[in-house]
Amino acid sequence: MNTKTQREKMLLGEEYIAFDEELTKMRQKSFSATMKFNTSGDKKYIEEIFSRKFENFIINPPFYCDYGENIEIGKNVFINFNCSVLSCAKVTIGDNCYIGPNVQIYTAQHPLDSKRRNKGINMAKPIKIGKDCWLGGGVIVLAGVEIGDGTTIGAGSVVTKNIPKNCTAAGNPCRVIRYLDEK
């Protein structure tokens, strides 16, 4: 019998228990590295958080995440102050992206039923931010969302559904305001 670990369930989008020993150790590793980065600003801790090296990556502290190794970041990415990423599922940020201050990216979900939620049941869905995107200050991106290449999300928006490529979108819930000419 092939039983999946809680980590495998989490990454597959299945229900899982976050208080699992392996997941707790992974979170503690990320928390420790983010605390070191946030207090020192030393970029060596960024590589520890994400378990890899980056090309032309700028990130301003403070930065918060729970599972750094689930975050994939492209080239030439800028993440401004106070970004929080709940990365229980994969988070992909494409090349040439700008992430404004106070942006929150949440792959985590919880049951609406309080009895199930109180048992520690969690779920997660991946988030994909395409290349050449700009997320303005205070944007919130919810689980399962894909933002298309070349799209700008206006400050303070709450992105609850997929947003297509080459557009400007804003609001709560976020919606397309206009499409941009492709060049």
C-alpha atoms as a PDB file:
ATOM      1  CA  MET A   1       0.000   0.000   0.000  1.00  0.00           C
ATOM      2  CA  ASN A   2       1.424   3.369  -1.062  1.00  0.00           C
ATOM      3  CA  THR A   3       0.354   5.928   1.528  1.00  0.00           C
ATOM      4  CA  LYS A   4       0.986   9.580   0.682  1.00  0.00           C
ATOM      5  CA  THR A   5       2.741  11.799   3.166  1.00  0.00           C
ATOM      6  CA  GLN A   6       1.039  14.985   4.345  1.00  0.00           C
ATOM      7  CA  ARG A   7       3.584  16.920   2.281  1.00  0.00           C
ATOM      8  CA  GLU A   8       2.663  14.977  -0.871  1.00  0.00           C
ATOM      9  CA  LYS A   9      -1.042  15.556  -0.201  1.00  0.00           C
ATOM     10  CA  MET A  10      -0.406  19.286   0.327  1.00  0.00           C
ATOM     11  CA  LEU A  11       1.469  19.630  -2.968  1.00  0.00           C
ATOM     12  CA  LEU A  12      -1.176  17.628  -4.843  1.00  0.00           C
ATOM     13  CA  GLY A  13      -3.990  19.897  -3.632  1.00  0.00           C
ATOM     14  CA  GLU A  14      -5.510  17.206  -1.438  1.00  0.00           C
ATOM     15  CA  GLU A  15      -6.640  17.666   2.142  1.00  0.00           C
ATOM     16  CA  TYR A  16      -3.733  17.428   4.554  1.00  0.00           C
ATOM     17  CA  ILE A  17      -2.850  18.050   8.201  1.00  0.00           C
ATOM     18  CA  ALA A  18      -0.442  20.994   8.608  1.00  0.00           C
ATOM     19  CA  PHE A  19       0.666  19.912  12.087  1.00  0.00           C
ATOM     20  CA  ASP A  20       2.512  16.953  10.560  1.00  0.00           C
ATOM     21  CA  GLU A  21       6.117  16.632  11.814  1.00  0.00           C
ATOM     22  CA  GLU A  22       7.736  16.975   8.364  1.00  0.00           C
ATOM     23  CA  LEU A  23       5.670  20.058   7.473  1.00  0.00           C
ATOM     24  CA  THR A  24       6.362  21.622  10.859  1.00  0.00           C
ATOM     25  CA  LYS A  25      10.127  21.184  10.332  1.00  0.00           C
ATOM     26  CA  MET A  26       9.877  22.738   6.857  1.00  0.00           C
ATOM     27  CA  ARG A  27       8.016  25.762   8.239  1.00  0.00           C
ATOM     28  CA  GLN A  28      10.524  26.168  11.054  1.00  0.00           C
ATOM     29  CA  LYS A  29      13.382  26.169   8.514  1.00  0.00           C
ATOM     30  CA  SER A  30      11.666  28.908   6.474  1.00  0.00           C
ATOM     31  CA  PHE A  31      10.757  30.925   9.579  1.00  0.00           C
ATOM     32  CA  SER A  32      14.333  30.794  10.856  1.00  0.00           C
ATOM     33  CA  ALA A  33      15.824  31.896   7.525  1.00  0.00           C
ATOM     34  CA  THR A  34      13.242  34.652   6.995  1.00  0.00           C
ATOM     35  CA  MET A  35      13.865  35.992  10.496  1.00  0.00           C
ATOM     36  CA  LYS A  36      17.616  36.103   9.781  1.00  0.00           C
ATOM     37  CA  PHE A  37      16.999  37.844   6.450  1.00  0.00           C
ATOM     38  CA  ASN A  38      14.498  40.292   7.931  1.00  0.00           C
ATOM     39  CA  THR A  39      16.845  41.354  10.723  1.00  0.00           C
ATOM     40  CA  SER A  40      20.072  41.447   8.693  1.00  0.00           C
ATOM     41  CA  GLY A  41      19.012  42.084   5.093  1.00  0.00           C
ATOM     42  CA  ASP A  42      21.733  39.619   4.079  1.00  0.00           C
ATOM     43  CA  LYS A  43      20.842  38.010   0.732  1.00  0.00           C
ATOM     44  CA  LYS A  44      22.550  34.711   1.666  1.00  0.00           C
ATOM     45  CA  TYR A  45      19.442  33.897   3.707  1.00  0.00           C
ATOM     46  CA  ILE A  46      17.270  34.285   0.606  1.00  0.00           C
ATOM     47  CA  GLU A  47      19.076  31.327  -0.950  1.00  0.00           C
ATOM     48  CA  GLU A  48      18.499  29.409   2.287  1.00  0.00           C
ATOM     49  CA  ILE A  49      14.776  30.261   2.254  1.00  0.00           C
ATOM     50  CA  PHE A  50      14.271  29.164  -1.350  1.00  0.00           C
ATOM     51  CA  SER A  51      16.935  26.406  -1.420  1.00  0.00           C
ATOM     52  CA  ARG A  52      18.421  27.851  -4.643  1.00  0.00           C
ATOM     53  CA  LYS A  53      20.323  30.746  -6.197  1.00  0.00           C
ATOM     54  CA  PHE A  54      18.680  33.515  -8.222  1.00  0.00           C
ATOM     55  CA  GLU A  55      19.566  35.699 -11.167  1.00  0.00           C
ATOM     56  CA  ASN A  56      18.938  39.438 -10.763  1.00  0.00           C
ATOM     57  CA  PHE A  57      16.574  39.040  -7.824  1.00  0.00           C
ATOM     58  CA  ILE A  58      15.903  41.918  -5.438  1.00  0.00           C
ATOM     59  CA  ILE A  59      13.815  41.476  -2.317  1.00  0.00           C
ATOM     60  CA  ASN A  60      13.347  44.054   0.414  1.00  0.00           C
ATOM     61  CA  PRO A  61      12.810  42.890   3.989  1.00  0.00           C
ATOM     62  CA  PRO A  62      10.638  42.085   5.695  1.00  0.00           C
ATOM     63  CA  PHE A  63       9.552  39.030   3.731  1.00  0.00           C
ATOM     64  CA  TYR A  64       7.473  36.151   5.084  1.00  0.00           C
ATOM     65  CA  CYS A  65       6.754  32.651   3.784  1.00  0.00           C
ATOM     66  CA  ASP A  66       5.933  29.273   5.238  1.00  0.00           C
ATOM     67  CA  TYR A  67       7.448  26.879   2.649  1.00  0.00           C
ATOM     68  CA  GLY A  68      10.080  28.767   0.670  1.00  0.00           C
ATOM     69  CA  GLU A  69      11.089  25.774  -1.397  1.00  0.00           C
ATOM     70  CA  ASN A  70       7.603  25.780  -3.005  1.00  0.00           C
ATOM     71  CA  ILE A  71       8.210  29.237  -4.488  1.00  0.00           C
ATOM     72  CA  GLU A  72       9.665  29.466  -7.997  1.00  0.00           C
ATOM     73  CA  ILE A  73      10.963  32.902  -8.984  1.00  0.00           C
ATOM     74  CA  GLY A  74      12.166  33.906 -12.460  1.00  0.00           C
ATOM     75  CA  LYS A  75      14.911  36.299 -13.557  1.00  0.00           C
ATOM     76  CA  ASN A  76      14.846  40.049 -12.951  1.00  0.00           C
ATOM     77  CA  VAL A  77      12.209  39.958 -10.208  1.00  0.00           C
ATOM     78  CA  PHE A  78      11.721  42.720  -7.631  1.00  0.00           C
ATOM     79  CA  ILE A  79       9.747  42.101  -4.437  1.00  0.00           C
ATOM     80  CA  ASN A  80       9.136  45.155  -2.282  1.00  0.00           C
ATOM     81  CA  PHE A  81       8.728  45.477   1.497  1.00  0.00           C
ATOM     82  CA  ASN A  82       6.411  43.318   3.621  1.00  0.00           C
ATOM     83  CA  CYS A  83       5.486  40.588   1.137  1.00  0.00           C
ATOM     84  CA  SER A  84       3.797  37.483   2.588  1.00  0.00           C
ATOM     85  CA  VAL A  85       3.584  34.212   0.666  1.00  0.00           C
ATOM     86  CA  LEU A  86       1.658  31.253   2.054  1.00  0.00           C
ATOM     87  CA  SER A  87       3.239  28.667  -0.211  1.00  0.00           C
ATOM     88  CA  CYS A  88       1.562  25.411   0.777  1.00  0.00           C
ATOM     89  CA  ALA A  89       1.226  24.795  -2.975  1.00  0.00           C
ATOM     90  CA  LYS A  90       3.575  25.926  -5.711  1.00  0.00           C
ATOM     91  CA  VAL A  91       3.863  29.665  -6.310  1.00  0.00           C
ATOM     92  CA  THR A  92       5.378  30.668  -9.642  1.00  0.00           C
ATOM     93  CA  ILE A  93       6.484  34.241 -10.312  1.00  0.00           C
ATOM     94  CA  GLY A  94       7.683  34.741 -13.900  1.00  0.00           C
ATOM     95  CA  ASP A  95      10.600  36.743 -15.264  1.00  0.00           C
ATOM     96  CA  ASN A  96      10.606  40.541 -15.063  1.00  0.00           C
ATOM     97  CA  CYS A  97       7.914  40.847 -12.396  1.00  0.00           C
ATOM     98  CA  TYR A  98       7.440  43.669  -9.927  1.00  0.00           C
ATOM     99  CA  ILE A  99       5.711  42.867  -6.653  1.00  0.00           C
ATOM    100  CA  GLY A 100       4.652  45.993  -4.729  1.00  0.00           C
ATOM    101  CA  PRO A 101       4.801  46.542  -0.975  1.00  0.00           C
ATOM    102  CA  ASN A 102       2.408  44.653   1.289  1.00  0.00           C
ATOM    103  CA  VAL A 103       1.466  42.092  -1.382  1.00  0.00           C
ATOM    104  CA  GLN A 104      -0.031  38.868  -0.020  1.00  0.00           C
ATOM    105  CA  ILE A 105      -0.034  35.601  -1.985  1.00  0.00           C
ATOM    106  CA  TYR A 106      -2.108  32.820  -0.418  1.00  0.00           C
ATOM    107  CA  THR A 107      -2.181  29.244  -1.715  1.00  0.00           C
ATOM    108  CA  ALA A 108      -3.607  28.024   1.609  1.00  0.00           C
ATOM    109  CA  GLN A 109      -7.279  27.224   2.085  1.00  0.00           C
ATOM    110  CA  HIS A 110      -9.304  25.928   5.013  1.00  0.00           C
ATOM    111  CA  PRO A 111     -12.655  24.113   5.206  1.00  0.00           C
ATOM    112  CA  LEU A 112     -15.704  26.313   5.714  1.00  0.00           C
ATOM    113  CA  ASP A 113     -17.037  23.741   8.170  1.00  0.00           C
ATOM    114  CA  SER A 114     -15.591  24.655  11.581  1.00  0.00           C
ATOM    115  CA  LYS A 115     -15.551  21.029  12.836  1.00  0.00           C
ATOM    116  CA  ARG A 116     -13.302  19.954   9.952  1.00  0.00           C
ATOM    117  CA  ARG A 117     -11.212  23.113  10.254  1.00  0.00           C
ATOM    118  CA  ASN A 118     -10.714  22.510  13.986  1.00  0.00           C
ATOM    119  CA  LYS A 119      -9.300  19.044  13.192  1.00  0.00           C
ATOM    120  CA  GLY A 120      -6.442  20.819  11.370  1.00  0.00           C
ATOM    121  CA  ILE A 121      -7.582  19.966   7.862  1.00  0.00           C
ATOM    122  CA  ASN A 122      -6.075  22.237   5.199  1.00  0.00           C
ATOM    123  CA  MET A 123      -5.985  22.428   1.418  1.00  0.00           C
ATOM    124  CA  ALA A 124      -3.874  24.402  -1.047  1.00  0.00           C
ATOM    125  CA  LYS A 125      -3.986  25.384  -4.713  1.00  0.00           C
ATOM    126  CA  PRO A 126      -1.064  26.710  -6.762  1.00  0.00           C
ATOM    127  CA  ILE A 127      -0.712  30.317  -7.918  1.00  0.00           C
ATOM    128  CA  LYS A 128       0.975  31.367 -11.140  1.00  0.00           C
ATOM    129  CA  ILE A 129       2.002  34.939 -11.918  1.00  0.00           C
ATOM    130  CA  GLY A 130       3.161  35.198 -15.530  1.00  0.00           C
ATOM    131  CA  LYS A 131       6.185  37.041 -16.849  1.00  0.00           C
ATOM    132  CA  ASP A 132       6.307  40.841 -17.144  1.00  0.00           C
ATOM    133  CA  CYS A 133       3.616  41.392 -14.498  1.00  0.00           C
ATOM    134  CA  TRP A 134       3.272  44.172 -11.946  1.00  0.00           C
ATOM    135  CA  LEU A 135       1.276  43.708  -8.750  1.00  0.00           C
ATOM    136  CA  GLY A 136       0.632  47.079  -7.097  1.00  0.00           C
ATOM    137  CA  GLY A 137       0.865  47.716  -3.386  1.00  0.00           C
ATOM    138  CA  GLY A 138      -1.480  45.800  -1.127  1.00  0.00           C
ATOM    139  CA  VAL A 139      -2.623  43.282  -3.755  1.00  0.00           C
ATOM    140  CA  ILE A 140      -3.965  39.970  -2.411  1.00  0.00           C
ATOM    141  CA  VAL A 141      -3.805  36.901  -4.676  1.00  0.00           C
ATOM    142  CA  LEU A 142      -5.927  33.937  -3.570  1.00  0.00           C
ATOM    143  CA  ALA A 143      -5.425  30.191  -4.041  1.00  0.00           C
ATOM    144  CA  GLY A 144      -5.711  28.696  -7.509  1.00  0.00           C
ATOM    145  CA  VAL A 145      -5.321  31.988  -9.405  1.00  0.00           C
ATOM    146  CA  GLU A 146      -3.312  32.471 -12.595  1.00  0.00           C
ATOM    147  CA  ILE A 147      -2.326  35.960 -13.760  1.00  0.00           C
ATOM    148  CA  GLY A 148      -1.388  36.149 -17.444  1.00  0.00           C
ATOM    149  CA  ASP A 149       1.840  37.529 -18.903  1.00  0.00           C
ATOM    150  CA  GLY A 150       2.158  41.295 -19.180  1.00  0.00           C
ATOM    151  CA  THR A 151      -0.687  42.065 -16.786  1.00  0.00           C
ATOM    152  CA  THR A 152      -0.815  44.848 -14.217  1.00  0.00           C
ATOM    153  CA  ILE A 153      -2.928  44.402 -11.067  1.00  0.00           C
ATOM    154  CA  GLY A 154      -3.946  47.703  -9.459  1.00  0.00           C
ATOM    155  CA  ALA A 155      -3.073  48.540  -5.873  1.00  0.00           C
ATOM    156  CA  GLY A 156      -5.387  47.135  -3.222  1.00  0.00           C
ATOM    157  CA  SER A 157      -6.981  44.562  -5.533  1.00  0.00           C
ATOM    158  CA  VAL A 158      -8.146  41.148  -4.345  1.00  0.00           C
ATOM    159  CA  VAL A 159      -7.534  38.605  -7.114  1.00  0.00           C
ATOM    160  CA  THR A 160     -10.060  35.789  -6.650  1.00  0.00           C
ATOM    161  CA  LYS A 161     -10.156  34.424 -10.243  1.00  0.00           C
ATOM    162  CA  ASN A 162      -7.799  34.059 -13.192  1.00  0.00           C
ATOM    163  CA  ILE A 163      -6.824  37.281 -14.969  1.00  0.00           C
ATOM    164  CA  PRO A 164      -5.857  37.074 -18.673  1.00  0.00           C
ATOM    165  CA  LYS A 165      -2.629  38.268 -20.254  1.00  0.00           C
ATOM    166  CA  ASN A 166      -1.858  41.821 -21.379  1.00  0.00           C
ATOM    167  CA  CYS A 167      -4.435  43.721 -19.401  1.00  0.00           C
ATOM    168  CA  THR A 168      -4.894  46.054 -16.478  1.00  0.00           C
ATOM    169  CA  ALA A 169      -7.138  44.678 -13.745  1.00  0.00           C
ATOM    170  CA  ALA A 170      -8.215  46.087 -10.399  1.00  0.00           C
ATOM    171  CA  GLY A 171     -10.848  46.003  -7.684  1.00  0.00           C
ATOM    172  CA  ASN A 172     -12.363  43.710  -5.095  1.00  0.00           C
ATOM    173  CA  PRO A 173     -12.960  41.304  -6.616  1.00  0.00           C
ATOM    174  CA  CYS A 174     -10.319  42.083  -9.227  1.00  0.00           C
ATOM    175  CA  ARG A 175     -11.617  42.371 -12.797  1.00  0.00           C
ATOM    176  CA  VAL A 176     -10.220  43.464 -16.144  1.00  0.00           C
ATOM    177  CA  ILE A 177     -10.410  47.222 -16.683  1.00  0.00           C
ATOM    178  CA  ARG A 178      -8.787  47.318 -20.107  1.00  0.00           C
ATOM    179  CA  TYR A 179      -6.768  45.209 -22.475  1.00  0.00           C
ATOM    180  CA  LEU A 180      -3.349  46.387 -23.609  1.00  0.00           C
ATOM    181  CA  ASP A 181      -2.206  46.397 -27.212  1.00  0.00           C
ATOM    182  CA  GLU A 182       0.235  43.607 -27.948  1.00  0.00           C
ATOM    183  CA  LYS A 183       3.433  44.760 -29.633  1.00  0.00           C
END
